[in-house]
Amino acid sequence: MGSPIDREAFAAFNLPLDDVPADAPLEIWPENAPTVIVFSAMSTQWTKSGFSGRLEGLRYDALPVVMRYCGIPPSERSAVFFGVRLMERATMEVINGQY
C-alpha cells in the first residue's frame, strides 16, 4: 500500500493531484532508501526565485544537518549527497517545465 498523498506538498508546487493515481504504490529499493529519506527531509529547503517561483535548487548548507538527523553514517554521506543531487535535478526539470 502506498503512502497517502501530501496535498500541501502538491499545492506548494502548483501540481495537479489528478496526475497521481490514488492507489499508486511507491517502491524504494533498499540501497536508495537513505537518499530518499534525506531528500524527503530536505523538502523545506528549496529556494525559489522571482514571482513565478521558479525552483533554483536545494539549500546545501542544510544538508549536513539533515543527514546527521536522518542517521546517515559519515561513510555513506558522499553517495547520499550525489543521490540527492540527482533527485533535485529531476524535480527541477519537472517543476520548472524542462522535461
PDB file of N, CA and C in Angstrom:
ATOM      1  N   MET A   1       0.846  -1.186   0.000  1.00  0.00           N
ATOM      2  CA  MET A   1       0.000   0.000   0.000  1.00  0.00           C
ATOM      3  C   MET A   1       0.883   1.238   0.000  1.00  0.00           C
ATOM      4  N   GLY A   2       0.574   2.200  -0.846  1.00  0.00           N
ATOM      5  CA  GLY A   2       1.363   3.422  -0.955  1.00  0.00           C
ATOM      6  C   GLY A   2       1.080   4.382   0.185  1.00  0.00           C
ATOM      7  N   SER A   3       1.924   5.399   0.293  1.00  0.00           N
ATOM      8  CA  SER A   3       1.742   6.445   1.289  1.00  0.00           C
ATOM      9  C   SER A   3       0.614   7.371   0.862  1.00  0.00           C
ATOM     10  N   PRO A   4      -0.074   7.994   1.830  1.00  0.00           N
ATOM     11  CA  PRO A   4      -1.120   8.937   1.444  1.00  0.00           C
ATOM     12  C   PRO A   4      -0.499  10.141   0.730  1.00  0.00           C
ATOM     13  N   ILE A   5      -1.257  10.740  -0.169  1.00  0.00           N
ATOM     14  CA  ILE A   5      -0.773  11.887  -0.928  1.00  0.00           C
ATOM     15  C   ILE A   5      -0.729  13.108  -0.016  1.00  0.00           C
ATOM     16  N   ASP A   6       0.404  13.816  -0.048  1.00  0.00           N
ATOM     17  CA  ASP A   6       0.576  15.034   0.737  1.00  0.00           C
ATOM     18  C   ASP A   6       0.036  16.205  -0.086  1.00  0.00           C
ATOM     19  N   ARG A   7      -1.221  16.570   0.157  1.00  0.00           N
ATOM     20  CA  ARG A   7      -1.883  17.611  -0.633  1.00  0.00           C
ATOM     21  C   ARG A   7      -1.186  18.967  -0.500  1.00  0.00           C
ATOM     22  N   GLU A   8      -0.653  19.279   0.675  1.00  0.00           N
ATOM     23  CA  GLU A   8       0.035  20.557   0.868  1.00  0.00           C
ATOM     24  C   GLU A   8       1.302  20.629   0.028  1.00  0.00           C
ATOM     25  N   ALA A   9       2.035  19.514  -0.068  1.00  0.00           N
ATOM     26  CA  ALA A   9       3.257  19.500  -0.880  1.00  0.00           C
ATOM     27  C   ALA A   9       2.913  19.726  -2.345  1.00  0.00           C
ATOM     28  N   PHE A  10       1.858  19.093  -2.819  1.00  0.00           N
ATOM     29  CA  PHE A  10       1.457  19.286  -4.208  1.00  0.00           C
ATOM     30  C   PHE A  10       1.030  20.731  -4.439  1.00  0.00           C
ATOM     31  N   ALA A  11       0.278  21.300  -3.507  1.00  0.00           N
ATOM     32  CA  ALA A  11      -0.184  22.678  -3.650  1.00  0.00           C
ATOM     33  C   ALA A  11       0.987  23.653  -3.651  1.00  0.00           C
ATOM     34  N   ALA A  12       2.014  23.390  -2.863  1.00  0.00           N
ATOM     35  CA  ALA A  12       3.178  24.277  -2.794  1.00  0.00           C
ATOM     36  C   ALA A  12       3.871  24.395  -4.142  1.00  0.00           C
ATOM     37  N   PHE A  13       3.809  23.333  -4.940  1.00  0.00           N
ATOM     38  CA  PHE A  13       4.461  23.337  -6.247  1.00  0.00           C
ATOM     39  C   PHE A  13       3.457  23.491  -7.391  1.00  0.00           C
ATOM     40  N   ASN A  14       2.210  23.827  -7.066  1.00  0.00           N
ATOM     41  CA  ASN A  14       1.164  24.008  -8.069  1.00  0.00           C
ATOM     42  C   ASN A  14       1.002  22.784  -8.972  1.00  0.00           C
ATOM     43  N   LEU A  15       1.095  21.598  -8.390  1.00  0.00           N
ATOM     44  CA  LEU A  15       0.935  20.361  -9.154  1.00  0.00           C
ATOM     45  C   LEU A  15      -0.495  19.855  -9.020  1.00  0.00           C
ATOM     46  N   PRO A  16      -1.096  19.464 -10.122  1.00  0.00           N
ATOM     47  CA  PRO A  16      -2.461  18.935 -10.042  1.00  0.00           C
ATOM     48  C   PRO A  16      -2.466  17.523  -9.455  1.00  0.00           C
ATOM     49  N   LEU A  17      -3.335  17.294  -8.512  1.00  0.00           N
ATOM     50  CA  LEU A  17      -3.446  15.971  -7.901  1.00  0.00           C
ATOM     51  C   LEU A  17      -3.995  14.945  -8.875  1.00  0.00           C
ATOM     52  N   ASP A  18      -4.641  15.386  -9.927  1.00  0.00           N
ATOM     53  CA  ASP A  18      -5.192  14.460 -10.913  1.00  0.00           C
ATOM     54  C   ASP A  18      -4.106  13.648 -11.611  1.00  0.00           C
ATOM     55  N   ASP A  19      -2.865  14.137 -11.584  1.00  0.00           N
ATOM     56  CA  ASP A  19      -1.762  13.451 -12.252  1.00  0.00           C
ATOM     57  C   ASP A  19      -1.260  12.239 -11.479  1.00  0.00           C
ATOM     58  N   VAL A  20      -1.711  12.083 -10.237  1.00  0.00           N
ATOM     59  CA  VAL A  20      -1.223  10.990  -9.396  1.00  0.00           C
ATOM     60  C   VAL A  20      -2.352  10.003  -9.137  1.00  0.00           C
ATOM     61  N   PRO A  21      -2.188   8.750  -9.575  1.00  0.00           N
ATOM     62  CA  PRO A  21      -3.225   7.755  -9.278  1.00  0.00           C
ATOM     63  C   PRO A  21      -3.389   7.582  -7.765  1.00  0.00           C
ATOM     64  N   ALA A  22      -4.611   7.468  -7.316  1.00  0.00           N
ATOM     65  CA  ALA A  22      -4.896   7.392  -5.882  1.00  0.00           C
ATOM     66  C   ALA A  22      -4.234   6.195  -5.215  1.00  0.00           C
ATOM     67  N   ASP A  23      -4.099   5.090  -5.936  1.00  0.00           N
ATOM     68  CA  ASP A  23      -3.547   3.889  -5.310  1.00  0.00           C
ATOM     69  C   ASP A  23      -2.160   3.536  -5.858  1.00  0.00           C
ATOM     70  N   ALA A  24      -1.422   4.537  -6.343  1.00  0.00           N
ATOM     71  CA  ALA A  24      -0.102   4.278  -6.923  1.00  0.00           C
ATOM     72  C   ALA A  24       0.891   3.876  -5.836  1.00  0.00           C
ATOM     73  N   PRO A  25       1.409   2.641  -5.898  1.00  0.00           N
ATOM     74  CA  PRO A  25       2.399   2.231  -4.898  1.00  0.00           C
ATOM     75  C   PRO A  25       3.758   2.868  -5.203  1.00  0.00           C
ATOM     76  N   LEU A  26       4.524   3.052  -4.181  1.00  0.00           N
ATOM     77  CA  LEU A  26       5.862   3.607  -4.323  1.00  0.00           C
ATOM     78  C   LEU A  26       6.853   2.568  -3.816  1.00  0.00           C
ATOM     79  N   GLU A  27       7.677   2.074  -4.717  1.00  0.00           N
ATOM     80  CA  GLU A  27       8.671   1.074  -4.347  1.00  0.00           C
ATOM     81  C   GLU A  27      10.044   1.742  -4.293  1.00  0.00           C
ATOM     82  N   ILE A  28      10.700   1.593  -3.168  1.00  0.00           N
ATOM     83  CA  ILE A  28      12.048   2.151  -2.998  1.00  0.00           C
ATOM     84  C   ILE A  28      12.991   0.998  -2.703  1.00  0.00           C
ATOM     85  N   TRP A  29      13.995   0.863  -3.541  1.00  0.00           N
ATOM     86  CA  TRP A  29      14.975  -0.190  -3.301  1.00  0.00           C
ATOM     87  C   TRP A  29      15.768   0.137  -2.045  1.00  0.00           C
ATOM     88  N   PRO A  30      16.142  -0.886  -1.277  1.00  0.00           N
ATOM     89  CA  PRO A  30      16.849  -0.656  -0.011  1.00  0.00           C
ATOM     90  C   PRO A  30      18.103   0.207  -0.150  1.00  0.00           C
ATOM     91  N   GLU A  31      18.842   0.026  -1.231  1.00  0.00           N
ATOM     92  CA  GLU A  31      20.083   0.802  -1.393  1.00  0.00           C
ATOM     93  C   GLU A  31      19.809   2.287  -1.682  1.00  0.00           C
ATOM     94  N   ASN A  32      18.575   2.613  -2.084  1.00  0.00           N
ATOM     95  CA  ASN A  32      18.210   4.003  -2.337  1.00  0.00           C
ATOM     96  C   ASN A  32      17.479   4.658  -1.166  1.00  0.00           C
ATOM     97  N   ALA A  33      17.111   3.872  -0.177  1.00  0.00           N
ATOM     98  CA  ALA A  33      16.314   4.391   0.940  1.00  0.00           C
ATOM     99  C   ALA A  33      16.973   5.568   1.659  1.00  0.00           C
ATOM    100  N   PRO A  34      18.280   5.514   1.985  1.00  0.00           N
ATOM    101  CA  PRO A  34      18.877   6.671   2.674  1.00  0.00           C
ATOM    102  C   PRO A  34      18.756   7.966   1.864  1.00  0.00           C
ATOM    103  N   THR A  35      18.953   7.870   0.556  1.00  0.00           N
ATOM    104  CA  THR A  35      18.844   9.060  -0.289  1.00  0.00           C
ATOM    105  C   THR A  35      17.419   9.584  -0.302  1.00  0.00           C
ATOM    106  N   VAL A  36      16.442   8.717  -0.425  1.00  0.00           N
ATOM    107  CA  VAL A  36      15.047   9.135  -0.454  1.00  0.00           C
ATOM    108  C   VAL A  36      14.649   9.763   0.883  1.00  0.00           C
ATOM    109  N   ILE A  37      15.104   9.195   1.973  1.00  0.00           N
ATOM    110  CA  ILE A  37      14.807   9.739   3.303  1.00  0.00           C
ATOM    111  C   ILE A  37      15.372  11.147   3.444  1.00  0.00           C
ATOM    112  N   VAL A  38      16.626  11.332   3.039  1.00  0.00           N
ATOM    113  CA  VAL A  38      17.252  12.656   3.140  1.00  0.00           C
ATOM    114  C   VAL A  38      16.572  13.643   2.198  1.00  0.00           C
ATOM    115  N   PHE A  39      16.305  13.236   0.958  1.00  0.00           N
ATOM    116  CA  PHE A  39      15.643  14.128   0.007  1.00  0.00           C
ATOM    117  C   PHE A  39      14.286  14.567   0.549  1.00  0.00           C
ATOM    118  N   SER A  40      13.540  13.657   1.103  1.00  0.00           N
ATOM    119  CA  SER A  40      12.241  13.991   1.683  1.00  0.00           C
ATOM    120  C   SER A  40      12.390  14.959   2.853  1.00  0.00           C
ATOM    121  N   ALA A  41      13.399  14.723   3.689  1.00  0.00           N
ATOM    122  CA  ALA A  41      13.629  15.592   4.846  1.00  0.00           C
ATOM    123  C   ALA A  41      14.085  16.992   4.420  1.00  0.00           C
ATOM    124  N   MET A  42      14.619  17.116   3.209  1.00  0.00           N
ATOM    125  CA  MET A  42      15.058  18.415   2.691  1.00  0.00           C
ATOM    126  C   MET A  42      13.918  19.194   2.037  1.00  0.00           C
ATOM    127  N   SER A  43      12.700  18.702   2.139  1.00  0.00           N
ATOM    128  CA  SER A  43      11.574  19.298   1.410  1.00  0.00           C
ATOM    129  C   SER A  43      11.312  20.763   1.744  1.00  0.00           C
ATOM    130  N   THR A  44      11.759  21.231   2.890  1.00  0.00           N
ATOM    131  CA  THR A  44      11.556  22.639   3.251  1.00  0.00           C
ATOM    132  C   THR A  44      12.755  23.501   2.881  1.00  0.00           C
ATOM    133  N   GLN A  45      13.724  22.938   2.190  1.00  0.00           N
ATOM    134  CA  GLN A  45      14.966  23.653   1.900  1.00  0.00           C
ATOM    135  C   GLN A  45      15.103  24.090   0.441  1.00  0.00           C
ATOM    136  N   TRP A  46      13.999  24.140  -0.290  1.00  0.00           N
ATOM    137  CA  TRP A  46      14.046  24.586  -1.678  1.00  0.00           C
ATOM    138  C   TRP A  46      14.147  26.098  -1.741  1.00  0.00           C
ATOM    139  N   THR A  47      14.938  26.593  -2.689  1.00  0.00           N
ATOM    140  CA  THR A  47      14.994  28.028  -2.932  1.00  0.00           C
ATOM    141  C   THR A  47      14.262  28.317  -4.236  1.00  0.00           C
ATOM    142  N   LYS A  48      13.533  29.419  -4.228  1.00  0.00           N
ATOM    143  CA  LYS A  48      12.775  29.847  -5.406  1.00  0.00           C
ATOM    144  C   LYS A  48      13.221  31.250  -5.774  1.00  0.00           C
ATOM    145  N   SER A  49      12.974  31.620  -7.016  1.00  0.00           N
ATOM    146  CA  SER A  49      13.314  32.982  -7.431  1.00  0.00           C
ATOM    147  C   SER A  49      12.167  33.575  -8.224  1.00  0.00           C
ATOM    148  N   GLY A  50      12.101  34.879  -8.180  1.00  0.00           N
ATOM    149  CA  GLY A  50      11.114  35.594  -8.976  1.00  0.00           C
ATOM    150  C   GLY A  50       9.690  35.371  -8.534  1.00  0.00           C
ATOM    151  N   PHE A  51       8.797  36.050  -9.209  1.00  0.00           N
ATOM    152  CA  PHE A  51       7.379  35.956  -8.873  1.00  0.00           C
ATOM    153  C   PHE A  51       6.777  34.634  -9.307  1.00  0.00           C
ATOM    154  N   SER A  52       7.379  34.020 -10.302  1.00  0.00           N
ATOM    155  CA  SER A  52       6.844  32.747 -10.791  1.00  0.00           C
ATOM    156  C   SER A  52       7.172  31.594  -9.856  1.00  0.00           C
ATOM    157  N   GLY A  53       8.129  31.803  -8.964  1.00  0.00           N
ATOM    158  CA  GLY A  53       8.502  30.751  -8.030  1.00  0.00           C
ATOM    159  C   GLY A  53       9.342  29.655  -8.655  1.00  0.00           C
ATOM    160  N   ARG A  54      10.117  29.985  -9.685  1.00  0.00           N
ATOM    161  CA  ARG A  54      10.975  29.007 -10.342  1.00  0.00           C
ATOM    162  C   ARG A  54      11.960  28.431  -9.324  1.00  0.00           C
ATOM    163  N   LEU A  55      12.039  27.097  -9.291  1.00  0.00           N
ATOM    164  CA  LEU A  55      12.961  26.444  -8.365  1.00  0.00           C
ATOM    165  C   LEU A  55      14.399  26.672  -8.799  1.00  0.00           C
ATOM    166  N   GLU A  56      15.226  27.068  -7.859  1.00  0.00           N
ATOM    167  CA  GLU A  56      16.652  27.253  -8.113  1.00  0.00           C
ATOM    168  C   GLU A  56      17.453  26.074  -7.581  1.00  0.00           C
ATOM    169  N   GLY A  57      16.911  25.339  -6.650  1.00  0.00           N
ATOM    170  CA  GLY A  57      17.607  24.183  -6.096  1.00  0.00           C
ATOM    171  C   GLY A  57      17.471  24.119  -4.585  1.00  0.00           C
ATOM    172  N   LEU A  58      18.146  23.134  -4.014  1.00  0.00           N
ATOM    173  CA  LEU A  58      18.120  22.940  -2.567  1.00  0.00           C
ATOM    174  C   LEU A  58      19.208  23.767  -1.896  1.00  0.00           C
ATOM    175  N   ARG A  59      18.967  24.123  -0.666  1.00  0.00           N
ATOM    176  CA  ARG A  59      19.974  24.814   0.150  1.00  0.00           C
ATOM    177  C   ARG A  59      20.911  23.752   0.723  1.00  0.00           C
ATOM    178  N   TYR A  60      22.079  23.633   0.123  1.00  0.00           N
ATOM    179  CA  TYR A  60      23.017  22.595   0.540  1.00  0.00           C
ATOM    180  C   TYR A  60      23.585  22.830   1.940  1.00  0.00           C
ATOM    181  N   ASP A  61      23.507  24.051   2.439  1.00  0.00           N
ATOM    182  CA  ASP A  61      24.028  24.295   3.784  1.00  0.00           C
ATOM    183  C   ASP A  61      23.242  23.530   4.847  1.00  0.00           C
ATOM    184  N   ALA A  62      22.006  23.156   4.552  1.00  0.00           N
ATOM    185  CA  ALA A  62      21.208  22.382   5.497  1.00  0.00           C
ATOM    186  C   ALA A  62      21.473  20.886   5.395  1.00  0.00           C
ATOM    187  N   LEU A  63      22.075  20.452   4.304  1.00  0.00           N
ATOM    188  CA  LEU A  63      22.236  19.025   4.042  1.00  0.00           C
ATOM    189  C   LEU A  63      23.030  18.264   5.116  1.00  0.00           C
ATOM    190  N   PRO A  64      24.170  18.772   5.593  1.00  0.00           N
ATOM    191  CA  PRO A  64      24.890  18.022   6.634  1.00  0.00           C
ATOM    192  C   PRO A  64      24.066  17.806   7.907  1.00  0.00           C
ATOM    193  N   VAL A  65      23.321  18.818   8.290  1.00  0.00           N
ATOM    194  CA  VAL A  65      22.485  18.706   9.490  1.00  0.00           C
ATOM    195  C   VAL A  65      21.384  17.679   9.264  1.00  0.00           C
ATOM    196  N   VAL A  66      20.745  17.730   8.102  1.00  0.00           N
ATOM    197  CA  VAL A  66      19.672  16.795   7.784  1.00  0.00           C
ATOM    198  C   VAL A  66      20.212  15.368   7.757  1.00  0.00           C
ATOM    199  N   MET A  67      21.395  15.181   7.163  1.00  0.00           N
ATOM    200  CA  MET A  67      21.974  13.834   7.113  1.00  0.00           C
ATOM    201  C   MET A  67      22.245  13.292   8.513  1.00  0.00           C
ATOM    202  N   ARG A  68      22.765  14.144   9.382  1.00  0.00           N
ATOM    203  CA  ARG A  68      23.022  13.697  10.766  1.00  0.00           C
ATOM    204  C   ARG A  68      21.718  13.311  11.454  1.00  0.00           C
ATOM    205  N   TYR A  69      20.687  14.151  11.338  1.00  0.00           N
ATOM    206  CA  TYR A  69      19.411  13.848  11.982  1.00  0.00           C
ATOM    207  C   TYR A  69      18.740  12.611  11.396  1.00  0.00           C
ATOM    208  N   CYS A  70      19.010  12.332  10.127  1.00  0.00           N
ATOM    209  CA  CYS A  70      18.444  11.138   9.494  1.00  0.00           C
ATOM    210  C   CYS A  70      19.278   9.892   9.788  1.00  0.00           C
ATOM    211  N   GLY A  71      20.381  10.056  10.498  1.00  0.00           N
ATOM    212  CA  GLY A  71      21.204   8.912  10.895  1.00  0.00           C
ATOM    213  C   GLY A  71      22.070   8.340   9.780  1.00  0.00           C
ATOM    214  N   ILE A  72      22.427   9.160   8.812  1.00  0.00           N
ATOM    215  CA  ILE A  72      23.280   8.691   7.721  1.00  0.00           C
ATOM    216  C   ILE A  72      24.725   8.637   8.224  1.00  0.00           C
ATOM    217  N   PRO A  73      25.349   7.451   8.203  1.00  0.00           N
ATOM    218  CA  PRO A  73      26.736   7.346   8.668  1.00  0.00           C
ATOM    219  C   PRO A  73      27.671   8.165   7.776  1.00  0.00           C
ATOM    220  N   PRO A  74      28.735   8.722   8.343  1.00  0.00           N
ATOM    221  CA  PRO A  74      29.679   9.514   7.538  1.00  0.00           C
ATOM    222  C   PRO A  74      30.174   8.789   6.285  1.00  0.00           C
ATOM    223  N   SER A  75      30.340   7.501   6.361  1.00  0.00           N
ATOM    224  CA  SER A  75      30.849   6.736   5.220  1.00  0.00           C
ATOM    225  C   SER A  75      29.863   6.689   4.048  1.00  0.00           C
ATOM    226  N   GLU A  76      28.581   6.982   4.285  1.00  0.00           N
ATOM    227  CA  GLU A  76      27.561   6.944   3.235  1.00  0.00           C
ATOM    228  C   GLU A  76      27.152   8.327   2.742  1.00  0.00           C
ATOM    229  N   ARG A  77      27.641   9.371   3.388  1.00  0.00           N
ATOM    230  CA  ARG A  77      27.156  10.727   3.088  1.00  0.00           C
ATOM    231  C   ARG A  77      27.506  11.195   1.676  1.00  0.00           C
ATOM    232  N   SER A  78      28.635  10.823   1.162  1.00  0.00           N
ATOM    233  CA  SER A  78      29.000  11.225  -0.191  1.00  0.00           C
ATOM    234  C   SER A  78      28.031  10.623  -1.207  1.00  0.00           C
ATOM    235  N   ALA A  79      27.746   9.342  -1.082  1.00  0.00           N
ATOM    236  CA  ALA A  79      26.817   8.676  -2.003  1.00  0.00           C
ATOM    237  C   ALA A  79      25.415   9.275  -1.880  1.00  0.00           C
ATOM    238  N   VAL A  80      24.985   9.550  -0.666  1.00  0.00           N
ATOM    239  CA  VAL A  80      23.662  10.143  -0.460  1.00  0.00           C
ATOM    240  C   VAL A  80      23.617  11.545  -1.070  1.00  0.00           C
ATOM    241  N   PHE A  81      24.686  12.303  -0.904  1.00  0.00           N
ATOM    242  CA  PHE A  81      24.743  13.654  -1.481  1.00  0.00           C
ATOM    243  C   PHE A  81      24.526  13.610  -2.987  1.00  0.00           C
ATOM    244  N   PHE A  82      25.236  12.723  -3.678  1.00  0.00           N
ATOM    245  CA  PHE A  82      25.098  12.646  -5.129  1.00  0.00           C
ATOM    246  C   PHE A  82      23.716  12.118  -5.539  1.00  0.00           C
ATOM    247  N   GLY A  83      23.145  11.239  -4.733  1.00  0.00           N
ATOM    248  CA  GLY A  83      21.784  10.780  -4.991  1.00  0.00           C
ATOM    249  C   GLY A  83      20.766  11.898  -4.825  1.00  0.00           C
ATOM    250  N   VAL A  84      20.940  12.718  -3.803  1.00  0.00           N
ATOM    251  CA  VAL A  84      20.055  13.859  -3.577  1.00  0.00           C
ATOM    252  C   VAL A  84      20.162  14.828  -4.755  1.00  0.00           C
ATOM    253  N   ARG A  85      21.372  15.033  -5.256  1.00  0.00           N
ATOM    254  CA  ARG A  85      21.553  15.933  -6.405  1.00  0.00           C
ATOM    255  C   ARG A  85      20.811  15.415  -7.632  1.00  0.00           C
ATOM    256  N   LEU A  86      20.837  14.107  -7.846  1.00  0.00           N
ATOM    257  CA  LEU A  86      20.092  13.534  -8.972  1.00  0.00           C
ATOM    258  C   LEU A  86      18.594  13.763  -8.817  1.00  0.00           C
ATOM    259  N   MET A  87      18.093  13.540  -7.603  1.00  0.00           N
ATOM    260  CA  MET A  87      16.667  13.738  -7.353  1.00  0.00           C
ATOM    261  C   MET A  87      16.301  15.223  -7.468  1.00  0.00           C
ATOM    262  N   GLU A  88      17.180  16.088  -7.007  1.00  0.00           N
ATOM    263  CA  GLU A  88      16.962  17.529  -7.113  1.00  0.00           C
ATOM    264  C   GLU A  88      16.845  17.937  -8.580  1.00  0.00           C
ATOM    265  N   ARG A  89      17.784  17.483  -9.406  1.00  0.00           N
ATOM    266  CA  ARG A  89      17.772  17.840 -10.828  1.00  0.00           C
ATOM    267  C   ARG A  89      16.484  17.351 -11.503  1.00  0.00           C
ATOM    268  N   ALA A  90      16.098  16.118 -11.228  1.00  0.00           N
ATOM    269  CA  ALA A  90      14.877  15.572 -11.830  1.00  0.00           C
ATOM    270  C   ALA A  90      13.648  16.367 -11.383  1.00  0.00           C
ATOM    271  N   THR A  91      13.602  16.729 -10.117  1.00  0.00           N
ATOM    272  CA  THR A  91      12.481  17.516  -9.597  1.00  0.00           C
ATOM    273  C   THR A  91      12.423  18.875 -10.270  1.00  0.00           C
ATOM    274  N   MET A  92      13.579  19.519 -10.400  1.00  0.00           N
ATOM    275  CA  MET A  92      13.614  20.840 -11.025  1.00  0.00           C
ATOM    276  C   MET A  92      13.175  20.771 -12.485  1.00  0.00           C
ATOM    277  N   GLU A  93      13.551  19.732 -13.188  1.00  0.00           N
ATOM    278  CA  GLU A  93      13.137  19.582 -14.583  1.00  0.00           C
ATOM    279  C   GLU A  93      11.624  19.459 -14.704  1.00  0.00           C
ATOM    280  N   VAL A  94      11.015  18.691 -13.804  1.00  0.00           N
ATOM    281  CA  VAL A  94       9.563  18.528 -13.845  1.00  0.00           C
ATOM    282  C   VAL A  94       8.851  19.816 -13.411  1.00  0.00           C
ATOM    283  N   ILE A  95       9.247  20.366 -12.282  1.00  0.00           N
ATOM    284  CA  ILE A  95       8.571  21.541 -11.735  1.00  0.00           C
ATOM    285  C   ILE A  95       8.754  22.774 -12.628  1.00  0.00           C
ATOM    286  N   ASN A  96       9.958  22.947 -13.153  1.00  0.00           N
ATOM    287  CA  ASN A  96      10.239  24.125 -13.977  1.00  0.00           C
ATOM    288  C   ASN A  96       9.846  23.917 -15.441  1.00  0.00           C
ATOM    289  N   GLY A  97       9.289  22.757 -15.752  1.00  0.00           N
ATOM    290  CA  GLY A  97       8.805  22.509 -17.100  1.00  0.00           C
ATOM    291  C   GLY A  97       9.897  22.280 -18.122  1.00  0.00           C
ATOM    292  N   GLN A  98      10.991  21.663 -17.722  1.00  0.00           N
ATOM    293  CA  GLN A  98      12.113  21.454 -18.636  1.00  0.00           C
ATOM    294  C   GLN A  98      12.164  20.034 -19.156  1.00  0.00           C
ATOM    295  N   TYR A  99      11.114  19.268 -18.999  1.00  0.00           N
ATOM    296  CA  TYR A  99      11.135  17.888 -19.465  1.00  0.00           C
ATOM    297  C   TYR A  99      10.422  17.737 -20.774  1.00  0.00           C
TER     298      TYR A  99
END
